[in-house]
C-alpha atoms as a PDB file:
ATOM      1  CA  MET A   1      60.993 135.303  93.154  1.00  0.00           C
ATOM      2  CA  GLU A   2      57.840 137.182  93.977  1.00  0.00           C
ATOM      3  CA  LEU A   3      57.524 135.119  97.058  1.00  0.00           C
ATOM      4  CA  LEU A   4      60.693 136.603  98.477  1.00  0.00           C
ATOM      5  CA  ASP A   5      59.636 140.204  97.610  1.00  0.00           C
ATOM      6  CA  SER A   6      56.936 140.331 100.330  1.00  0.00           C
ATOM      7  CA  LEU A   7      59.561 139.323 103.070  1.00  0.00           C
ATOM      8  CA  PRO A   8      61.404 141.769 105.327  1.00  0.00           C
ATOM      9  CA  THR A   9      64.800 142.908 103.950  1.00  0.00           C
ATOM     10  CA  LEU A  10      66.920 141.083 106.401  1.00  0.00           C
ATOM     11  CA  LEU A  11      65.095 137.696 105.855  1.00  0.00           C
ATOM     12  CA  LYS A  12      65.061 138.365 102.095  1.00  0.00           C
ATOM     13  CA  SER A  13      68.771 138.870 102.222  1.00  0.00           C
ATOM     14  CA  PHE A  14      69.292 135.513 104.091  1.00  0.00           C
ATOM     15  CA  TRP A  15      67.233 133.757 101.450  1.00  0.00           C
ATOM     16  CA  TYR A  16      69.094 135.388  98.616  1.00  0.00           C
ATOM     17  CA  ILE A  17      72.343 134.013 100.187  1.00  0.00           C
ATOM     18  CA  ALA A  18      70.989 130.656 101.042  1.00  0.00           C
ATOM     19  CA  ILE A  19      69.428 129.610  97.746  1.00  0.00           C
ATOM     20  CA  PRO A  20      72.593 129.920  95.496  1.00  0.00           C
ATOM     21  CA  THR A  21      74.792 128.731  98.228  1.00  0.00           C
ATOM     22  CA  SER A  22      72.849 125.574  98.919  1.00  0.00           C
ATOM     23  CA  LEU A  23      72.935 124.802  95.127  1.00  0.00           C
ATOM     24  CA  ILE A  24      76.593 125.295  94.889  1.00  0.00           C
ATOM     25  CA  PHE A  25      77.103 123.219  98.003  1.00  0.00           C
ATOM     26  CA  LEU A  26      75.048 120.391  96.479  1.00  0.00           C
ATOM     27  CA  ILE A  27      76.972 120.525  93.273  1.00  0.00           C
ATOM     28  CA  GLN A  28      80.281 120.423  95.291  1.00  0.00           C
ATOM     29  CA  THR A  29      79.045 117.520  97.350  1.00  0.00           C
ATOM     30  CA  VAL A  30      78.116 115.494  94.222  1.00  0.00           C
ATOM     31  CA  ILE A  31      81.427 116.232  92.582  1.00  0.00           C
ATOM     32  CA  THR A  32      83.299 115.269  95.782  1.00  0.00           C
ATOM     33  CA  PHE A  33      81.497 111.988  96.172  1.00  0.00           C
ATOM     34  CA  SER A  34      81.781 111.055  92.476  1.00  0.00           C
ATOM     35  CA  GLY A  35      85.588 111.374  92.588  1.00  0.00           C
ATOM     36  CA  LEU A  36      85.709 114.372  90.382  1.00  0.00           C
ATOM     37  CA  ASP A  37      86.816 116.680  93.291  1.00  0.00           C
ATOM     38  CA  VAL A  38      89.082 119.391  91.870  1.00  0.00           C
ATOM     39  CA  ALA A  39      90.824 122.340  93.378  1.00  0.00           C
ATOM     40  CA  ASP A  40      88.757 125.519  93.852  1.00  0.00           C
ATOM     41  CA  GLY A  41      90.778 127.287  91.136  1.00  0.00           C
ATOM     42  CA  PHE A  42      91.600 130.228  93.396  1.00  0.00           C
ATOM     43  CA  ASP A  43      95.093 130.730  94.667  1.00  0.00           C
ATOM     44  CA  THR A  44      95.375 132.583  97.995  1.00  0.00           C
ATOM     45  CA  ASP A  45      98.415 133.682 100.032  1.00  0.00           C
ATOM     46  CA  PHE A  46      96.673 132.614 103.302  1.00  0.00           C
ATOM     47  CA  ASP A  47      97.085 129.101 104.654  1.00  0.00           C
ATOM     48  CA  ALA A  48      95.928 127.575 107.809  1.00  0.00           C
ATOM     49  CA  HIS A  49      98.522 125.090 109.036  1.00  0.00           C
ATOM     50  CA  LEU A  50      97.339 122.452 111.392  1.00  0.00           C
ATOM     51  CA  HIS A  51      99.351 120.683 113.979  1.00  0.00           C
ATOM     52  CA  ASP A  52     100.182 117.453 111.975  1.00  0.00           C
ATOM     53  CA  GLY A  53     101.429 119.251 108.967  1.00  0.00           C
ATOM     54  CA  GLY A  54      98.315 119.100 107.026  1.00  0.00           C
ATOM     55  CA  ASP A  55      97.783 122.183 104.809  1.00  0.00           C
ATOM     56  CA  PHE A  56      94.205 123.661 104.436  1.00  0.00           C
ATOM     57  CA  GLN A  57      93.411 126.816 102.534  1.00  0.00           C
ATOM     58  CA  LEU A  58      91.756 129.107 104.869  1.00  0.00           C
ATOM     59  CA  PHE A  59      90.208 131.306 102.194  1.00  0.00           C
ATOM     60  CA  SER A  60      88.798 129.163  99.443  1.00  0.00           C
ATOM     61  CA  LEU A  61      85.619 128.864  97.528  1.00  0.00           C
ATOM     62  CA  ARG A  62      84.588 125.732  99.532  1.00  0.00           C
ATOM     63  CA  ASN A  63      85.097 127.459 102.839  1.00  0.00           C
ATOM     64  CA  LEU A  64      83.277 130.527 101.684  1.00  0.00           C
ATOM     65  CA  ILE A  65      80.294 128.248 100.713  1.00  0.00           C
ATOM     66  CA  ASN A  66      80.428 126.420 104.055  1.00  0.00           C
ATOM     67  CA  PHE A  67      80.493 129.755 105.875  1.00  0.00           C
ATOM     68  CA  LEU A  68      77.603 131.245 103.753  1.00  0.00           C
ATOM     69  CA  LEU A  69      75.645 127.998 104.127  1.00  0.00           C
ATOM     70  CA  GLY A  70      75.811 128.273 108.037  1.00  0.00           C
ATOM     71  CA  PHE A  71      75.347 131.933 108.120  1.00  0.00           C
ATOM     72  CA  SER A  72      72.272 132.117 105.892  1.00  0.00           C
ATOM     73  CA  TRP A  73      70.354 129.069 107.191  1.00  0.00           C
ATOM     74  CA  THR A  74      70.901 130.160 110.761  1.00  0.00           C
ATOM     75  CA  GLY A  75      69.559 133.625 109.788  1.00  0.00           C
ATOM     76  CA  ILE A  76      66.549 132.041 108.333  1.00  0.00           C
ATOM     77  CA  SER A  77      65.975 129.558 111.081  1.00  0.00           C
ATOM     78  CA  PHE A  78      66.293 132.135 113.910  1.00  0.00           C
ATOM     79  CA  TYR A  79      64.569 135.029 112.167  1.00  0.00           C
ATOM     80  CA  SER A  80      61.175 134.507 113.831  1.00  0.00           C
ATOM     81  CA  THR A  81      62.904 134.374 117.319  1.00  0.00           C
ATOM     82  CA  LEU A  82      65.601 136.958 116.901  1.00  0.00           C
ATOM     83  CA  GLY A  83      64.199 139.100 114.103  1.00  0.00           C
ATOM     84  CA  GLU A  84      63.507 141.941 116.449  1.00  0.00           C
ATOM     85  CA  LYS A  85      67.206 141.946 117.294  1.00  0.00           C
ATOM     86  CA  PRO A  86      68.845 142.081 113.940  1.00  0.00           C
ATOM     87  CA  VAL A  87      72.333 142.716 115.318  1.00  0.00           C
ATOM     88  CA  PHE A  88      72.111 139.709 117.575  1.00  0.00           C
ATOM     89  CA  LEU A  89      70.745 137.618 114.719  1.00  0.00           C
ATOM     90  CA  ILE A  90      73.581 138.588 112.365  1.00  0.00           C
ATOM     91  CA  VAL A  91      76.218 137.966 115.038  1.00  0.00           C
ATOM     92  CA  THR A  92      74.642 134.592 115.879  1.00  0.00           C
ATOM     93  CA  SER A  93      74.580 133.679 112.088  1.00  0.00           C
ATOM     94  CA  PHE A  94      78.233 134.784 111.635  1.00  0.00           C
ATOM     95  CA  VAL A  95      79.322 132.596 114.614  1.00  0.00           C
ATOM     96  CA  VAL A  96      77.457 129.519 113.226  1.00  0.00           C
ATOM     97  CA  GLY A  97      79.071 130.218 109.821  1.00  0.00           C
ATOM     98  CA  VAL A  98      82.515 130.155 111.306  1.00  0.00           C
ATOM     99  CA  LEU A  99      81.520 127.027 113.163  1.00  0.00           C
ATOM    100  CA  PHE A 100      80.612 125.399 109.841  1.00  0.00           C
ATOM    101  CA  VAL A 101      84.121 126.217 108.528  1.00  0.00           C
ATOM    102  CA  LEU A 102      85.751 124.753 111.674  1.00  0.00           C
ATOM    103  CA  LEU A 103      83.540 121.652 111.487  1.00  0.00           C
ATOM    104  CA  PHE A 104      84.763 121.222 107.908  1.00  0.00           C
ATOM    105  CA  PHE A 105      88.333 121.402 108.983  1.00  0.00           C
ATOM    106  CA  PHE A 106      87.686 118.886 111.759  1.00  0.00           C
ATOM    107  CA  VAL A 107      85.993 116.444 109.317  1.00  0.00           C
ATOM    108  CA  ILE A 108      88.886 116.595 106.823  1.00  0.00           C
ATOM    109  CA  LYS A 109      91.396 116.155 109.528  1.00  0.00           C
ATOM    110  CA  GLN A 110      89.540 113.013 110.638  1.00  0.00           C
ATOM    111  CA  VAL A 111      89.356 111.654 107.049  1.00  0.00           C
ATOM    112  CA  GLN A 112      93.118 112.340 106.607  1.00  0.00           C
ATOM    113  CA  LYS A 113      93.782 110.191 109.628  1.00  0.00           C
ATOM    114  CA  LEU A 114      92.176 107.221 107.781  1.00  0.00           C
ATOM    115  CA  ALA A 115      94.650 107.723 104.872  1.00  0.00           C
ATOM    116  CA  GLU A 116      97.275 105.014 104.899  1.00  0.00           C
ATOM    117  CA  ASP A 117     100.797 105.428 103.315  1.00  0.00           C
ATOM    118  CA  ASN A 118     101.377 101.969 101.727  1.00  0.00           C
ATOM    119  CA  SER A 119     104.362 102.981  99.662  1.00  0.00           C
ATOM    120  CA  PHE A 120     107.322 100.696 100.324  1.00  0.00           C
ATOM    121  CA  LYS A 121     110.316 102.235 102.027  1.00  0.00           C
ATOM    122  CA  ILE A 122     113.251  99.969 102.712  1.00  0.00           C
ATOM    123  CA  THR A 123     113.740 101.506 106.279  1.00  0.00           C
ATOM    124  CA  ASN A 124     110.457  99.953 107.251  1.00  0.00           C
ATOM    125  CA  THR A 125     112.149  96.434 107.090  1.00  0.00           C
ATOM    126  CA  LEU A 126     114.536  97.260 109.949  1.00  0.00           C
ATOM    127  CA  ASN A 127     114.017  94.870 112.941  1.00  0.00           C
ATOM    128  CA  LYS A 128     111.356  92.792 111.065  1.00  0.00           C
ATOM    129  CA  THR A 129     111.442  89.089 110.567  1.00  0.00           C
ATOM    130  CA  ALA A 130     111.606  87.486 107.294  1.00  0.00           C
ATOM    131  CA  GLU A 131     111.969  84.027 105.698  1.00  0.00           C
ATOM    132  CA  VAL A 132     115.204  83.188 103.535  1.00  0.00           C
ATOM    133  CA  TYR A 133     114.025  82.568  99.951  1.00  0.00           C
ATOM    134  CA  LEU A 134     117.516  81.869  98.375  1.00  0.00           C
ATOM    135  CA  THR A 135     120.224  80.710 100.558  1.00  0.00           C
ATOM    136  CA  ILE A 136     122.408  83.645 101.911  1.00  0.00           C
ATOM    137  CA  PRO A 137     126.241  82.953 101.821  1.00  0.00           C
ATOM    138  CA  GLU A 138     128.340  83.412 104.841  1.00  0.00           C
ATOM    139  CA  LYS A 139     130.372  86.556 105.879  1.00  0.00           C
ATOM    140  CA  LYS A 140     129.064  88.848 103.167  1.00  0.00           C
ATOM    141  CA  SER A 141     130.532  86.619 100.380  1.00  0.00           C
ATOM    142  CA  GLY A 142     127.398  86.788  98.335  1.00  0.00           C
ATOM    143  CA  LYS A 143     123.750  87.826  98.146  1.00  0.00           C
ATOM    144  CA  GLY A 144     120.681  85.729  98.919  1.00  0.00           C
ATOM    145  CA  LYS A 145     117.115  86.591  98.956  1.00  0.00           C
ATOM    146  CA  ILE A 146     114.530  86.944 101.709  1.00  0.00           C
ATOM    147  CA  MET A 147     110.669  87.337 101.603  1.00  0.00           C
ATOM    148  CA  ILE A 148     109.388  89.929 103.996  1.00  0.00           C
ATOM    149  CA  SER A 149     106.082  91.427 104.697  1.00  0.00           C
ATOM    150  CA  VAL A 150     105.881  95.265 104.963  1.00  0.00           C
ATOM    151  CA  ASN A 151     102.564  97.189 105.303  1.00  0.00           C
ATOM    152  CA  GLY A 152     100.773  93.967 104.548  1.00  0.00           C
ATOM    153  CA  ALA A 153     102.604  93.339 101.213  1.00  0.00           C
ATOM    154  CA  PHE A 154     105.302  90.702 100.698  1.00  0.00           C
ATOM    155  CA  HIS A 155     108.637  91.764  98.956  1.00  0.00           C
ATOM    156  CA  GLU A 156     111.587  89.646  97.770  1.00  0.00           C
ATOM    157  CA  LEU A 157     114.716  91.569  98.669  1.00  0.00           C
ATOM    158  CA  GLU A 158     118.504  90.846  98.373  1.00  0.00           C
ATOM    159  CA  ALA A 159     120.170  90.160 101.672  1.00  0.00           C
ATOM    160  CA  MET A 160     123.585  89.388 103.169  1.00  0.00           C
ATOM    161  CA  THR A 161     124.792  88.180 106.545  1.00  0.00           C
ATOM    162  CA  GLU A 162     127.859  88.919 108.515  1.00  0.00           C
ATOM    163  CA  ASN A 163     127.725  85.446 110.192  1.00  0.00           C
ATOM    164  CA  ASP A 164     127.411  81.892 109.025  1.00  0.00           C
ATOM    165  CA  ARG A 165     125.460  80.708 105.835  1.00  0.00           C
ATOM    166  CA  ILE A 166     121.762  80.859 106.262  1.00  0.00           C
ATOM    167  CA  PRO A 167     119.721  78.149 104.421  1.00  0.00           C
ATOM    168  CA  SER A 168     116.465  78.548 102.575  1.00  0.00           C
ATOM    169  CA  GLY A 169     113.413  78.430 104.773  1.00  0.00           C
ATOM    170  CA  SER A 170     115.240  79.969 107.897  1.00  0.00           C
ATOM    171  CA  ALA A 171     113.683  82.817 109.782  1.00  0.00           C
ATOM    172  CA  VAL A 172     115.801  85.929 110.010  1.00  0.00           C
ATOM    173  CA  LYS A 173     115.729  89.447 111.333  1.00  0.00           C
ATOM    174  CA  VAL A 174     116.886  92.521 109.481  1.00  0.00           C
ATOM    175  CA  VAL A 175     119.528  94.229 111.552  1.00  0.00           C
ATOM    176  CA  LYS A 176     120.984  96.792 109.058  1.00  0.00           C
ATOM    177  CA  ILE A 177     120.581  98.332 105.691  1.00  0.00           C
ATOM    178  CA  GLU A 178     123.641  99.103 103.621  1.00  0.00           C
ATOM    179  CA  ASN A 179     123.886 101.196 100.428  1.00  0.00           C
ATOM    180  CA  ASN A 180     120.253 102.057 100.808  1.00  0.00           C
ATOM    181  CA  ASN A 181     118.934  98.837  99.337  1.00  0.00           C
ATOM    182  CA  LEU A 182     120.922  95.837 100.733  1.00  0.00           C
ATOM    183  CA  LEU A 183     119.579  94.298 103.936  1.00  0.00           C
ATOM    184  CA  ILE A 184     121.935  92.637 106.440  1.00  0.00           C
ATOM    185  CA  VAL A 185     120.181  89.899 108.335  1.00  0.00           C
ATOM    186  CA  GLU A 186     120.916  87.425 111.118  1.00  0.00           C
ATOM    187  CA  THR A 187     119.180  84.199 112.215  1.00  0.00           C
ATOM    188  CA  ILE A 188     116.633  84.311 114.880  1.00  0.00           C
END
């Protein structure tokens, strides 16, 4: 670290922040992309709640690293231009550090939009069309089965009708759900 000893104090400080922060950032990035991503290990009482219900911890090790990364590298990059005005350099570096954290929030929010909830919920069958798999007896006198596609996956579910008997192979529409698991259908 003799190379850093000859630098002015402010620039040396930026380098002392940038080197370990960059190493930690690289380690975090490798861990994240390898699928070993774990929580920061720190619990905080402060949360930033975004509009769509996503919770992000505002004060976390990851956000501290993002802030320090932007702060230190901005200070190093602009030292030759703004070194004569250290207060302006520190304020500019601080603003860029905050922007790094906001950029991280934006990227995470966009990635969460890509997430798809493919879990099966019986309520997703309402008003969908299906094909009768096993004949459905008339006037709720017995149960039949239908094949219905929900979120790109086919499901075989029990169904009843309040009308006439519906033979196998008929197209039906789900009109109601009874007892949280029994579909009431009618022919299309």
